[in-house]
Amino acid sequence: MKFMPGKILILFVLGLLTFCAGLHAQDTSKRKTINITSTFKPVLRDAVKINFNAAPPVVDSTRPKLNYLIPSQYLFLNYQPSTLNPVALQVDSLLAWRNDNYIKAGIGNVHQPYLKAGFSFGDGQSTFFNAFAEGYASKGSLPYQKNDLADIGISGTVKTKNNLEWSGGLGFKNQGYYLYGFQPDTLKFDKDNLKQRFQTFNGKFGLRNTVPTEFGLTYNPTIQVDVFSDNHSPKASEANTVLNLPLQKTLNKQFSFDLGLTASLTNYRLNSVSTINNNYYLVSPALIYKNGNLNLHAEMTPSWDNKNFHLLPNIWADLTTNNQQFTLQLGWVGYYEKGSYQRYEGLNPWLAQPTDLLNTRVQEFYGGFKGSLNNHISYAAKLGFAESWNIPLFVNDSIDGKTFVIRYDHLQDFKMHGEITYTQGEQFNITAGVNINQYTNIKKEQKAWGLLPFEFTTALRWQILKDLWLKSDLWAFDGAPYLDKDGSSHTGDRGLDLNAGVEFRITKQVNLWFQMNNIFNNKYERWHQYQVYGINILGGVIFSFAQK
């Protein structure tokens, strides 16, 4: 294809004219600018999101099996809680705790008379105070077979706002006995020579923290002082002081550490010249482990008995099932029984003034079990082997036998204990127990004078009606061996003592009570030559009231 020269020229002229027209149209008086027009906008990319799609649940037609483990309760309360009924709240600034007080008085063919009283004070929240008194005079059918008692005391507890609890108490006891067990019974004695009287002043003080400290420490120091004396000539007096300083450190939910310091001090003055000090000291470091099934106590106790060192074991374990219905018990323990005039008089009130005081040291191996068959029946059994050093044995004096002297000995004891309890709410409770002791390897004496080889006890408490209560106790035992004046050994007669009593309400504040002791009139001898009272009947009235 060919282009014509004339056409090319015409196109050239038209382009030149167009270019010149554009140059002539520009405005050179204005400032040069550059306009940029764009539709692009930079943005961030949307984040990727994970979509959660819930899956439908799987249909399960099986019935779930729910197991509830309810431990058996071994705490039996003496009072029945009242029914809770909703009532309108009444704003009252008075004390909310009702303090119940009572006075119990009676008379019988042996006790002439009998009196017992109890009073309580405080607000029931931070202050608690109690006062009590008991007294009686009794007289039996035998010459000089009588004794009397006057016992009064007051105790109190005060809780402070800084989680401390202060407690203390004061008391006085006056006991009178007559040495009527002389043989032959044709002997003549002056009444003042047969009267034996003991007086005790006691005081105690304690402090404990109700909430552990920030370091997990719990403490409860206590001190108790007893001043004991008799009416003999020459007169004997004794001061007993027990200081206990326990401290517990909680390590975690299962472990804790205990550290205890104990000082038992006895100062016995037989006359103005003779003085006996009988003291022992204990340091008790223990590691305790507790979980749902095992309770373990591991302790070795250094002790000093009148400067004689002994290392006492105190290792025991309780292994229980998940439902708490059966517990296996194992232990190896060591402890002291205080040798004091006051304690010996509590065991045998016809005791002569002791000429020597020794502490009894005991080591015992035992194994046993306890548990419950159902909600009403609980049981316990224990089998053990104990060895005792300086155990006191009581022997009638060789003159007329009306007083007992102490002979210390070393022996071994194969012992068994069993008990069973049936409880129906708080309306009915009966307990039966048996203790069997077989004393062997006696070092000095022929037999264990004055120690019972067998005991059987029962106790019944029954609320027959809302305002009628019945109680009964039974004590049966095999006679203890005793030593006659000619040096021959004998065994005492068996004893059986059945007691029963009833109490019923006649008004809101007055109850009548009636009791019979030794119903079978069994005149047994717990201590040789000392026959007990026969059947005795006692009754009276109880007046109870609340402090306003």
Protein backbone atom coordinates (compact mmCIF):
# COMPACT_ATOMS: atom_id res chain seq x y z
CA MET A 1 0.00 0.00 0.00
CA LYS A 2 1.37 3.43 -0.94
CA PHE A 3 0.86 6.83 0.72
CA MET A 4 0.40 9.98 -1.31
CA PRO A 5 2.82 12.95 -0.75
CA GLY A 6 -0.04 15.45 -0.63
CA LYS A 7 -1.83 13.57 2.17
CA ILE A 8 1.32 13.43 4.26
CA LEU A 9 1.81 17.13 3.95
CA ILE A 10 -1.75 17.89 4.98
CA LEU A 11 -1.42 15.70 8.15
CA PHE A 12 1.84 17.37 9.09
CA VAL A 13 0.30 20.87 8.83
CA LEU A 14 -2.70 19.89 11.00
CA GLY A 15 -0.45 18.45 13.76
CA LEU A 16 1.75 21.56 13.78
CA LEU A 17 -1.28 23.82 14.18
CA THR A 18 -2.62 21.77 17.04
CA PHE A 19 0.69 21.91 18.92
CA CYS A 20 0.94 25.68 18.52
CA ALA A 21 -2.61 26.15 19.79
CA GLY A 22 -1.74 24.24 22.92
CA LEU A 23 1.31 26.35 23.60
CA HIS A 24 -0.70 29.48 23.18
CA ALA A 25 -3.39 28.27 25.71
CA GLN A 26 -1.02 27.68 28.73
CA ASP A 27 -1.28 30.15 31.69
CA THR A 28 2.26 30.90 32.80
CA SER A 29 1.18 33.26 35.59
CA LYS A 30 0.05 30.48 37.91
CA ARG A 31 2.20 28.28 40.15
CA LYS A 32 2.88 24.88 38.81
CA THR A 33 1.21 22.02 40.75
CA ILE A 34 0.92 18.30 40.38
CA ASN A 35 -2.43 16.65 41.11
CA ILE A 36 -2.38 12.98 41.72
CA THR A 37 -5.63 11.15 41.69
CA SER A 38 -5.74 7.55 42.84
CA THR A 39 -8.42 5.08 44.08
CA PHE A 40 -5.95 2.68 45.82
CA LYS A 41 -6.22 2.51 49.66
CA PRO A 42 -3.81 0.25 51.62
CA VAL A 43 -5.58 -1.89 54.28
CA LEU A 44 -4.51 -4.82 56.53
CA ARG A 45 -5.68 -8.25 55.68
CA ASP A 46 -8.40 -9.65 57.93
CA ALA A 47 -7.11 -12.07 60.55
CA VAL A 48 -8.02 -15.66 60.13
CA LYS A 49 -10.53 -16.77 62.85
CA ILE A 50 -11.00 -20.30 64.07
CA ASN A 51 -14.57 -21.36 64.09
CA PHE A 52 -15.61 -23.52 67.05
CA ASN A 53 -18.44 -25.79 66.27
CA ALA A 54 -19.85 -27.56 69.38
CA ALA A 55 -20.35 -31.25 68.88
CA PRO A 56 -23.67 -32.59 70.15
CA PRO A 57 -23.39 -34.61 73.41
CA VAL A 58 -23.39 -38.33 73.27
CA VAL A 59 -26.61 -39.75 74.57
CA ASP A 60 -25.91 -41.90 77.72
CA SER A 61 -28.80 -43.95 78.99
CA THR A 62 -26.92 -45.57 81.91
CA ARG A 63 -27.95 -44.64 85.49
CA PRO A 64 -25.11 -42.98 87.47
CA LYS A 65 -24.09 -44.71 90.73
CA LEU A 66 -23.51 -42.23 93.55
CA ASN A 67 -21.68 -43.50 96.66
CA TYR A 68 -21.94 -41.51 99.88
CA LEU A 69 -19.46 -42.33 102.65
CA ILE A 70 -20.86 -41.21 105.98
CA PRO A 71 -18.48 -41.97 108.91
CA SER A 72 -19.90 -43.43 112.07
CA GLN A 73 -20.28 -40.99 114.90
CA TYR A 74 -18.75 -41.82 118.27
CA LEU A 75 -19.81 -38.61 120.00
CA PHE A 76 -22.81 -39.18 122.22
CA LEU A 77 -24.29 -35.97 123.51
CA ASN A 78 -26.06 -35.83 126.83
CA TYR A 79 -28.72 -33.39 125.73
CA GLN A 80 -31.21 -33.57 122.92
CA PRO A 81 -31.38 -30.55 120.59
CA SER A 82 -34.73 -28.83 120.48
CA THR A 83 -36.86 -28.53 117.36
CA LEU A 84 -36.03 -25.55 115.15
CA ASN A 85 -39.08 -23.46 114.25
CA PRO A 86 -38.87 -20.27 112.19
CA VAL A 87 -39.91 -17.20 114.14
CA ALA A 88 -39.74 -13.49 113.52
CA LEU A 89 -36.46 -11.88 114.54
CA GLN A 90 -36.69 -9.71 117.62
CA VAL A 91 -33.98 -7.16 118.16
CA ASP A 92 -32.76 -7.52 121.71
CA SER A 93 -29.56 -6.32 123.34
CA LEU A 94 -29.84 -8.78 126.25
CA LEU A 95 -27.65 -11.85 126.62
CA ALA A 96 -28.64 -14.71 124.33
CA TRP A 97 -27.26 -17.55 126.48
CA ARG A 98 -29.51 -18.95 129.20
CA ASN A 99 -27.52 -20.07 132.21
CA ASP A 100 -29.11 -23.08 133.87
CA ASN A 101 -28.57 -23.57 137.59
CA TYR A 102 -29.73 -26.29 139.95
CA ILE A 103 -29.82 -27.38 143.57
CA LYS A 104 -30.15 -31.08 144.36
CA ALA A 105 -31.02 -32.16 147.90
CA GLY A 106 -31.84 -35.54 149.38
CA ILE A 107 -31.76 -37.78 152.40
CA GLY A 108 -31.64 -41.54 152.97
CA ASN A 109 -30.86 -44.33 155.40
CA VAL A 110 -27.08 -43.87 154.86
CA HIS A 111 -26.60 -40.36 153.48
CA GLN A 112 -27.91 -37.88 156.01
CA PRO A 113 -28.13 -35.48 154.24
CA TYR A 114 -26.96 -35.09 150.62
CA LEU A 115 -26.55 -31.77 148.79
CA LYS A 116 -25.27 -30.84 145.36
CA ALA A 117 -25.50 -27.54 143.48
CA GLY A 118 -24.26 -25.96 140.28
CA PHE A 119 -24.38 -22.38 139.00
CA SER A 120 -23.21 -20.81 135.75
CA PHE A 121 -22.56 -17.21 134.73
CA GLY A 122 -21.37 -15.32 131.68
CA ASP A 123 -22.61 -14.31 128.27
CA GLY A 124 -21.99 -17.67 126.61
CA GLN A 125 -19.85 -16.14 123.88
CA SER A 126 -16.72 -14.70 125.43
CA THR A 127 -17.12 -15.41 129.15
CA PHE A 128 -18.05 -18.66 130.87
CA PHE A 129 -18.06 -19.16 134.64
CA ASN A 130 -19.21 -22.15 136.69
CA ALA A 131 -19.50 -22.76 140.42
CA PHE A 132 -20.30 -26.08 142.03
CA ALA A 133 -20.63 -27.61 145.46
CA GLU A 134 -21.23 -31.09 146.84
CA GLY A 135 -21.52 -32.36 150.36
CA TYR A 136 -22.85 -35.28 152.34
CA ALA A 137 -22.51 -37.15 155.61
CA SER A 138 -22.99 -40.92 155.61
CA LYS A 139 -23.26 -43.48 158.37
CA GLY A 140 -23.40 -47.28 158.12
CA SER A 141 -24.44 -50.05 160.47
CA LEU A 142 -20.95 -50.87 161.78
CA PRO A 143 -19.29 -48.89 164.59
CA TYR A 144 -17.46 -45.84 163.18
CA GLN A 145 -18.55 -46.77 159.63
CA LYS A 146 -19.08 -43.25 158.38
CA ASN A 147 -17.51 -40.59 156.23
CA ASP A 148 -18.26 -37.08 155.01
CA LEU A 149 -17.40 -34.83 152.07
CA ALA A 150 -17.41 -31.10 151.35
CA ASP A 151 -16.27 -30.09 147.88
CA ILE A 152 -16.58 -26.61 146.36
CA GLY A 153 -15.00 -24.97 143.35
CA ILE A 154 -15.22 -22.31 140.70
CA SER A 155 -13.88 -22.28 137.16
CA GLY A 156 -14.01 -19.86 134.28
CA THR A 157 -12.99 -19.16 130.71
CA VAL A 158 -12.55 -15.80 128.98
CA LYS A 159 -12.08 -15.39 125.23
CA THR A 160 -10.42 -12.24 123.93
CA LYS A 161 -10.74 -10.56 120.54
CA ASN A 162 -7.16 -11.50 119.58
CA ASN A 163 -8.03 -15.24 119.50
CA LEU A 164 -6.76 -16.06 123.00
CA GLU A 165 -8.58 -18.11 125.61
CA TRP A 166 -7.74 -17.74 129.30
CA SER A 167 -8.99 -20.37 131.75
CA GLY A 168 -8.59 -21.00 135.45
CA GLY A 169 -10.15 -22.39 138.57
CA LEU A 170 -9.98 -22.64 142.34
CA GLY A 171 -11.26 -25.39 144.60
CA PHE A 172 -11.35 -26.84 148.09
CA LYS A 173 -12.11 -30.40 149.21
CA ASN A 174 -12.51 -31.72 152.73
CA GLN A 175 -12.83 -35.52 153.20
CA GLY A 176 -13.38 -37.35 156.47
CA TYR A 177 -13.08 -41.10 157.12
CA TYR A 178 -13.03 -43.31 160.18
CA LEU A 179 -10.67 -46.27 160.45
CA TYR A 180 -13.39 -48.77 161.38
CA GLY A 181 -11.75 -51.83 159.80
CA PHE A 182 -9.69 -52.94 162.81
CA GLN A 183 -9.45 -56.60 163.85
CA PRO A 184 -10.36 -57.98 166.23
CA ASP A 185 -13.45 -55.79 166.34
CA THR A 186 -13.46 -56.03 170.15
CA LEU A 187 -10.62 -53.52 170.33
CA LYS A 188 -11.46 -50.19 171.91
CA PHE A 189 -10.33 -46.94 170.32
CA ASP A 190 -11.01 -43.33 171.00
CA LYS A 191 -13.07 -41.64 168.27
CA ASP A 192 -10.44 -38.99 167.63
CA ASN A 193 -7.80 -41.66 167.10
CA LEU A 194 -9.87 -43.28 164.36
CA LYS A 195 -10.82 -40.11 162.50
CA GLN A 196 -8.80 -39.46 159.36
CA ARG A 197 -9.29 -36.18 157.52
CA PHE A 198 -7.78 -34.91 154.28
CA GLN A 199 -7.89 -31.37 152.92
CA THR A 200 -6.99 -30.20 149.43
CA PHE A 201 -6.65 -26.67 148.05
CA ASN A 202 -6.19 -26.55 144.29
CA GLY A 203 -5.74 -23.95 141.61
CA LYS A 204 -5.15 -24.10 137.88
CA PHE A 205 -4.45 -21.63 135.11
CA GLY A 206 -4.16 -22.00 131.35
CA LEU A 207 -3.84 -20.09 128.10
CA ARG A 208 -4.35 -21.22 124.51
CA ASN A 209 -4.76 -19.69 121.10
CA THR A 210 -8.00 -20.62 119.37
CA VAL A 211 -6.59 -19.83 115.91
CA PRO A 212 -3.06 -20.88 114.82
CA THR A 213 -0.57 -18.06 114.41
CA GLU A 214 0.67 -16.88 111.02
CA PHE A 215 3.47 -19.44 111.34
CA GLY A 216 1.05 -22.31 112.02
CA LEU A 217 1.77 -22.55 115.78
CA THR A 218 -0.71 -23.71 118.42
CA TYR A 219 0.12 -23.49 122.12
CA ASN A 220 -1.65 -24.31 125.39
CA PRO A 221 0.51 -23.81 128.52
CA THR A 222 -1.11 -24.87 131.80
CA ILE A 223 -0.11 -24.96 135.45
CA GLN A 224 -1.89 -26.68 138.34
CA VAL A 225 -1.02 -26.51 142.04
CA ASP A 226 -2.53 -28.76 144.75
CA VAL A 227 -1.83 -28.39 148.46
CA PHE A 228 -2.77 -31.56 150.35
CA SER A 229 -2.67 -32.27 154.10
CA ASP A 230 -4.01 -34.65 156.76
CA ASN A 231 -4.91 -34.42 160.44
CA HIS A 232 -2.41 -36.93 161.82
CA SER A 233 0.07 -36.24 164.56
CA PRO A 234 2.62 -35.43 163.35
CA LYS A 235 0.81 -33.76 160.49
CA ALA A 236 1.84 -34.44 156.89
CA SER A 237 1.47 -31.96 154.04
CA GLU A 238 2.23 -32.09 150.36
CA ALA A 239 2.47 -29.62 147.47
CA ASN A 240 2.00 -30.97 143.94
CA THR A 241 2.74 -28.77 140.92
CA VAL A 242 2.32 -29.80 137.30
CA LEU A 243 3.57 -27.49 134.55
CA ASN A 244 2.78 -28.42 130.97
CA LEU A 245 4.03 -26.48 127.92
CA PRO A 246 2.74 -28.03 124.68
CA LEU A 247 3.49 -26.51 121.27
CA GLN A 248 2.31 -27.73 117.88
CA LYS A 249 3.62 -26.69 114.46
CA THR A 250 1.50 -27.49 111.41
CA LEU A 251 3.73 -28.39 108.47
CA ASN A 252 1.04 -29.12 105.89
CA LYS A 253 -2.36 -30.79 105.69
CA GLN A 254 -0.93 -34.17 106.70
CA PHE A 255 2.15 -33.53 108.85
CA SER A 256 2.56 -31.65 112.10
CA PHE A 257 5.25 -31.49 114.76
CA ASP A 258 4.62 -31.40 118.50
CA LEU A 259 7.01 -30.35 121.22
CA GLY A 260 5.99 -30.61 124.86
CA LEU A 261 7.73 -29.87 128.15
CA THR A 262 6.30 -31.31 131.36
CA ALA A 263 7.46 -30.85 134.94
CA SER A 264 5.71 -32.73 137.78
CA LEU A 265 6.98 -31.59 141.17
CA THR A 266 6.05 -33.05 144.57
CA ASN A 267 7.24 -31.75 147.92
CA TYR A 268 6.14 -34.01 150.80
CA ARG A 269 6.70 -32.98 154.42
CA LEU A 270 6.12 -35.81 156.87
CA ASN A 271 7.00 -33.62 159.83
CA SER A 272 8.95 -30.48 160.45
CA VAL A 273 12.22 -32.32 159.80
CA SER A 274 11.61 -34.99 157.12
CA THR A 275 11.08 -33.76 153.55
CA ILE A 276 10.79 -35.83 150.37
CA ASN A 277 11.02 -34.39 146.86
CA ASN A 278 9.64 -36.62 144.13
CA ASN A 279 9.94 -35.00 140.69
CA TYR A 280 10.04 -36.03 137.07
CA TYR A 281 10.55 -34.10 133.82
CA LEU A 282 9.56 -34.94 130.25
CA VAL A 283 10.56 -33.59 126.84
CA SER A 284 8.13 -34.80 124.19
CA PRO A 285 9.07 -34.24 120.53
CA ALA A 286 6.57 -35.95 118.22
CA LEU A 287 5.93 -36.20 114.50
CA ILE A 288 2.27 -36.67 113.60
CA TYR A 289 0.91 -37.85 110.28
CA LYS A 290 -2.81 -37.83 109.45
CA ASN A 291 -4.74 -38.65 106.34
CA GLY A 292 -8.10 -40.22 105.66
CA ASN A 293 -7.08 -43.73 106.72
CA LEU A 294 -3.94 -43.46 108.87
CA ASN A 295 -3.21 -41.58 112.06
CA LEU A 296 0.44 -42.05 113.09
CA HIS A 297 2.15 -40.65 116.18
CA ALA A 298 5.92 -41.16 116.44
CA GLU A 299 7.67 -39.94 119.59
CA MET A 300 10.61 -40.86 121.81
CA THR A 301 10.39 -39.06 125.13
CA PRO A 302 13.51 -38.30 127.19
CA SER A 303 12.57 -38.33 130.87
CA TRP A 304 14.29 -37.74 134.19
CA ASP A 305 12.75 -39.45 137.22
CA ASN A 306 14.54 -38.04 140.28
CA LYS A 307 17.67 -37.57 138.12
CA ASN A 308 17.40 -41.09 136.65
CA PHE A 309 17.23 -40.94 132.86
CA HIS A 310 14.76 -43.09 130.91
CA LEU A 311 13.82 -42.93 127.23
CA LEU A 312 10.09 -43.56 126.93
CA PRO A 313 8.50 -44.71 123.66
CA ASN A 314 5.25 -43.20 122.49
CA ILE A 315 4.58 -44.71 119.08
CA TRP A 316 1.06 -45.61 118.03
CA ALA A 317 -1.00 -45.87 114.88
CA ASP A 318 -4.70 -46.02 114.03
CA LEU A 319 -5.53 -47.52 110.65
CA THR A 320 -9.16 -47.11 109.62
CA THR A 321 -11.34 -48.04 106.68
CA ASN A 322 -12.80 -45.53 104.24
CA ASN A 323 -16.21 -45.62 105.89
CA GLN A 324 -14.71 -45.21 109.39
CA GLN A 325 -16.53 -48.30 110.65
CA PHE A 326 -13.43 -50.30 111.60
CA THR A 327 -10.14 -49.07 113.05
CA LEU A 328 -7.07 -51.15 113.82
CA GLN A 329 -4.94 -49.88 116.74
CA LEU A 330 -1.29 -50.64 117.47
CA GLY A 331 1.00 -49.00 119.99
CA TRP A 332 4.15 -49.02 122.07
CA VAL A 333 3.83 -46.39 124.78
CA GLY A 334 5.55 -45.36 127.99
CA TYR A 335 4.35 -43.05 130.76
CA TYR A 336 4.56 -42.21 134.46
CA GLU A 337 1.95 -42.53 137.19
CA LYS A 338 2.58 -39.97 139.89
CA GLY A 339 3.75 -41.17 143.28
CA SER A 340 2.18 -38.76 145.75
CA TYR A 341 0.31 -38.92 149.04
CA GLN A 342 -2.64 -37.18 147.38
CA ARG A 343 -2.93 -39.76 144.58
CA TYR A 344 -2.53 -42.76 146.89
CA GLU A 345 -5.26 -41.45 149.20
CA GLY A 346 -7.56 -41.23 146.18
CA LEU A 347 -6.95 -44.94 145.55
CA ASN A 348 -7.23 -46.09 149.15
CA PRO A 349 -8.63 -43.62 151.73
CA TRP A 350 -7.55 -45.82 154.67
CA LEU A 351 -3.90 -45.32 153.84
CA ALA A 352 -1.33 -44.62 156.53
CA GLN A 353 1.14 -41.79 156.03
CA PRO A 354 3.63 -43.03 153.41
CA THR A 355 7.28 -43.04 154.39
CA ASP A 356 8.54 -42.99 150.81
CA LEU A 357 7.26 -41.76 147.44
CA LEU A 358 8.21 -43.29 144.10
CA ASN A 359 6.88 -42.65 140.62
CA THR A 360 5.53 -45.65 138.70
CA ARG A 361 7.04 -46.05 135.24
CA VAL A 362 5.03 -48.11 132.74
CA GLN A 363 5.83 -49.45 129.27
CA GLU A 364 3.06 -51.10 127.31
CA PHE A 365 2.64 -52.92 123.99
CA TYR A 366 -0.94 -53.16 122.79
CA GLY A 367 -3.05 -54.02 119.81
CA GLY A 368 -6.75 -53.76 119.30
CA PHE A 369 -9.61 -52.54 117.20
CA LYS A 370 -12.72 -50.40 117.46
CA GLY A 371 -15.62 -49.57 115.21
CA SER A 372 -19.34 -49.72 114.71
CA LEU A 373 -21.72 -52.33 113.35
CA ASN A 374 -24.41 -49.81 112.42
CA ASN A 375 -25.72 -46.44 113.56
CA HIS A 376 -26.53 -47.78 117.03
CA ILE A 377 -23.86 -50.32 118.03
CA SER A 378 -20.18 -49.49 118.59
CA TYR A 379 -17.46 -51.66 120.06
CA ALA A 380 -13.79 -51.68 121.12
CA ALA A 381 -11.30 -54.35 122.19
CA LYS A 382 -7.66 -54.19 123.23
CA LEU A 383 -5.02 -56.71 124.18
CA GLY A 384 -1.80 -55.55 125.80
CA PHE A 385 1.32 -56.42 127.74
CA ALA A 386 2.58 -53.91 130.30
CA GLU A 387 5.60 -53.78 132.56
CA SER A 388 5.56 -51.55 135.65
CA TRP A 389 8.41 -50.36 137.84
CA ASN A 390 7.72 -49.11 141.39
CA ILE A 391 4.03 -49.95 141.32
CA PRO A 392 2.38 -49.40 144.74
CA LEU A 393 0.81 -52.46 146.43
CA PHE A 394 -1.43 -51.94 149.48
CA VAL A 395 -1.04 -54.23 152.51
CA ASN A 396 -2.82 -54.10 155.88
CA ASP A 397 -0.56 -53.12 158.75
CA SER A 398 0.59 -55.96 161.02
CA ILE A 399 -0.89 -54.50 164.25
CA ASP A 400 -4.69 -54.38 163.82
CA GLY A 401 -4.99 -53.97 160.05
CA LYS A 402 -6.98 -50.74 160.14
CA THR A 403 -4.46 -48.85 157.98
CA PHE A 404 -2.64 -49.80 154.78
CA VAL A 405 1.05 -49.46 154.07
CA ILE A 406 2.64 -49.27 150.62
CA ARG A 407 5.09 -51.79 149.21
CA TYR A 408 6.65 -50.92 145.87
CA ASP A 409 7.32 -53.71 143.40
CA HIS A 410 8.14 -54.56 139.81
CA LEU A 411 5.69 -56.71 137.85
CA GLN A 412 4.29 -57.54 134.43
CA ASP A 413 0.64 -57.40 133.44
CA PHE A 414 -1.11 -59.23 130.61
CA LYS A 415 -4.27 -57.15 130.18
CA MET A 416 -7.43 -57.32 128.13
CA HIS A 417 -10.18 -54.76 127.70
CA GLY A 418 -13.45 -54.85 125.79
CA GLU A 419 -16.57 -52.73 125.61
CA ILE A 420 -19.75 -52.45 123.59
CA THR A 421 -22.30 -49.64 123.42
CA TYR A 422 -25.83 -49.45 122.11
CA THR A 423 -27.29 -45.98 121.52
CA GLN A 424 -30.74 -45.01 120.31
CA GLY A 425 -30.58 -41.30 119.68
CA GLU A 426 -30.31 -39.52 123.01
CA GLN A 427 -33.17 -41.42 124.61
CA PHE A 428 -31.41 -44.71 125.29
CA ASN A 429 -27.78 -45.61 125.96
CA ILE A 430 -26.27 -48.74 127.49
CA THR A 431 -22.57 -49.56 127.79
CA ALA A 432 -20.87 -52.72 129.05
CA GLY A 433 -17.14 -53.16 129.63
CA VAL A 434 -14.74 -55.75 130.99
CA ASN A 435 -11.13 -55.51 132.25
CA ILE A 436 -8.94 -58.57 132.83
CA ASN A 437 -5.46 -58.33 134.35
CA GLN A 438 -3.06 -61.22 134.90
CA TYR A 439 -0.11 -60.10 137.02
CA THR A 440 3.09 -62.15 136.62
CA ASN A 441 6.83 -62.00 137.34
CA ILE A 442 6.38 -60.12 140.61
CA LYS A 443 9.89 -59.45 141.89
CA LYS A 444 9.49 -59.00 145.66
CA GLU A 445 5.97 -59.91 146.81
CA GLN A 446 4.02 -63.14 146.47
CA LYS A 447 1.07 -61.50 144.71
CA ALA A 448 -0.17 -58.10 143.55
CA TRP A 449 -1.77 -57.05 146.84
CA GLY A 450 -4.90 -54.97 146.42
CA LEU A 451 -5.06 -55.04 142.61
CA LEU A 452 -8.26 -56.41 141.05
CA PRO A 453 -7.79 -59.17 138.46
CA PHE A 454 -11.26 -58.85 136.88
CA GLU A 455 -13.89 -56.10 136.57
CA PHE A 456 -17.18 -55.91 134.73
CA THR A 457 -19.22 -52.70 134.50
CA THR A 458 -22.44 -51.61 132.83
CA ALA A 459 -24.18 -48.25 132.66
CA LEU A 460 -27.74 -47.60 131.48
CA ARG A 461 -29.33 -44.22 130.73
CA TRP A 462 -32.91 -44.23 129.44
CA GLN A 463 -35.32 -41.39 128.84
CA ILE A 464 -38.57 -43.32 128.98
CA LEU A 465 -40.82 -40.31 128.53
CA LYS A 466 -40.25 -36.64 127.92
CA ASP A 467 -40.18 -36.02 131.66
CA LEU A 468 -39.09 -39.43 133.00
CA TRP A 469 -35.50 -40.74 133.20
CA LEU A 470 -34.10 -44.07 134.38
CA LYS A 471 -30.47 -44.90 135.13
CA SER A 472 -28.71 -47.99 136.39
CA ASP A 473 -25.12 -49.15 137.05
CA LEU A 474 -23.63 -52.56 137.73
CA TRP A 475 -20.14 -53.33 139.04
CA ALA A 476 -18.88 -56.89 139.48
CA PHE A 477 -15.32 -57.97 140.29
CA ASP A 478 -13.10 -60.77 141.50
CA GLY A 479 -11.57 -60.24 144.91
CA ALA A 480 -8.07 -58.83 145.18
CA PRO A 481 -5.33 -60.82 146.92
CA TYR A 482 -4.42 -59.66 150.42
CA LEU A 483 -1.77 -60.50 153.01
CA ASP A 484 -2.83 -61.62 156.49
CA LYS A 485 -1.03 -60.68 159.70
CA ASP A 486 0.55 -64.13 159.93
CA GLY A 487 2.14 -63.71 156.48
CA SER A 488 -0.29 -65.99 154.61
CA SER A 489 -1.84 -64.84 151.35
CA HIS A 490 -5.56 -64.97 150.61
CA THR A 491 -7.98 -63.86 147.92
CA GLY A 492 -10.86 -61.56 148.73
CA ASP A 493 -14.47 -62.40 148.03
CA ARG A 494 -16.16 -61.47 144.80
CA GLY A 495 -18.33 -58.37 144.76
CA LEU A 496 -21.54 -57.40 142.99
CA ASP A 497 -23.03 -53.93 143.27
CA LEU A 498 -26.21 -52.94 141.42
CA ASN A 499 -27.54 -49.37 141.52
CA ALA A 500 -30.75 -47.98 140.00
CA GLY A 501 -32.41 -44.60 140.06
CA VAL A 502 -35.31 -42.70 138.57
CA GLU A 503 -36.00 -39.01 138.04
CA PHE A 504 -39.23 -37.37 136.89
CA ARG A 505 -40.47 -33.85 136.46
CA ILE A 506 -43.45 -32.47 138.36
CA THR A 507 -43.15 -28.81 137.27
CA LYS A 508 -40.94 -26.87 134.88
CA GLN A 509 -38.47 -26.15 137.67
CA VAL A 510 -38.91 -29.03 140.11
CA ASN A 511 -37.90 -32.68 139.65
CA LEU A 512 -38.14 -35.55 142.08
CA TRP A 513 -35.43 -38.24 142.20
CA PHE A 514 -35.05 -41.60 143.89
CA GLN A 515 -32.06 -43.95 143.97
CA MET A 516 -31.14 -47.33 145.44
CA ASN A 517 -27.51 -48.41 145.81
CA ASN A 518 -26.25 -51.96 146.38
CA ILE A 519 -29.70 -53.35 145.75
CA PHE A 520 -28.63 -56.95 146.51
CA ASN A 521 -27.22 -55.84 149.89
CA ASN A 522 -23.88 -57.45 149.04
CA LYS A 523 -21.52 -56.46 151.86
CA TYR A 524 -18.32 -57.06 149.96
CA GLU A 525 -14.81 -55.81 150.82
CA ARG A 526 -13.01 -53.88 148.13
CA TRP A 527 -10.17 -53.39 150.61
CA HIS A 528 -9.53 -56.14 153.14
CA GLN A 529 -11.24 -55.57 156.55
CA TYR A 530 -13.36 -52.72 155.18
CA GLN A 531 -16.90 -53.85 154.54
CA VAL A 532 -18.94 -51.49 152.38
CA TYR A 533 -22.39 -50.13 153.14
CA GLY A 534 -25.26 -52.50 152.48
CA ILE A 535 -28.35 -51.43 150.60
CA ASN A 536 -28.95 -47.73 150.89
CA ILE A 537 -31.88 -45.69 149.67
CA LEU A 538 -31.71 -42.01 148.83
CA GLY A 539 -34.26 -39.57 147.45
CA GLY A 540 -35.01 -35.91 147.21
CA VAL A 541 -35.82 -32.95 145.01
CA ILE A 542 -34.02 -30.98 142.27
CA PHE A 543 -34.83 -27.32 141.83
CA SER A 544 -33.55 -25.88 138.54
CA PHE A 545 -33.76 -22.31 137.35
CA ALA A 546 -32.24 -20.02 134.75
CA GLN A 547 -30.29 -16.94 135.64
CA LYS A 548 -32.15 -13.77 134.72
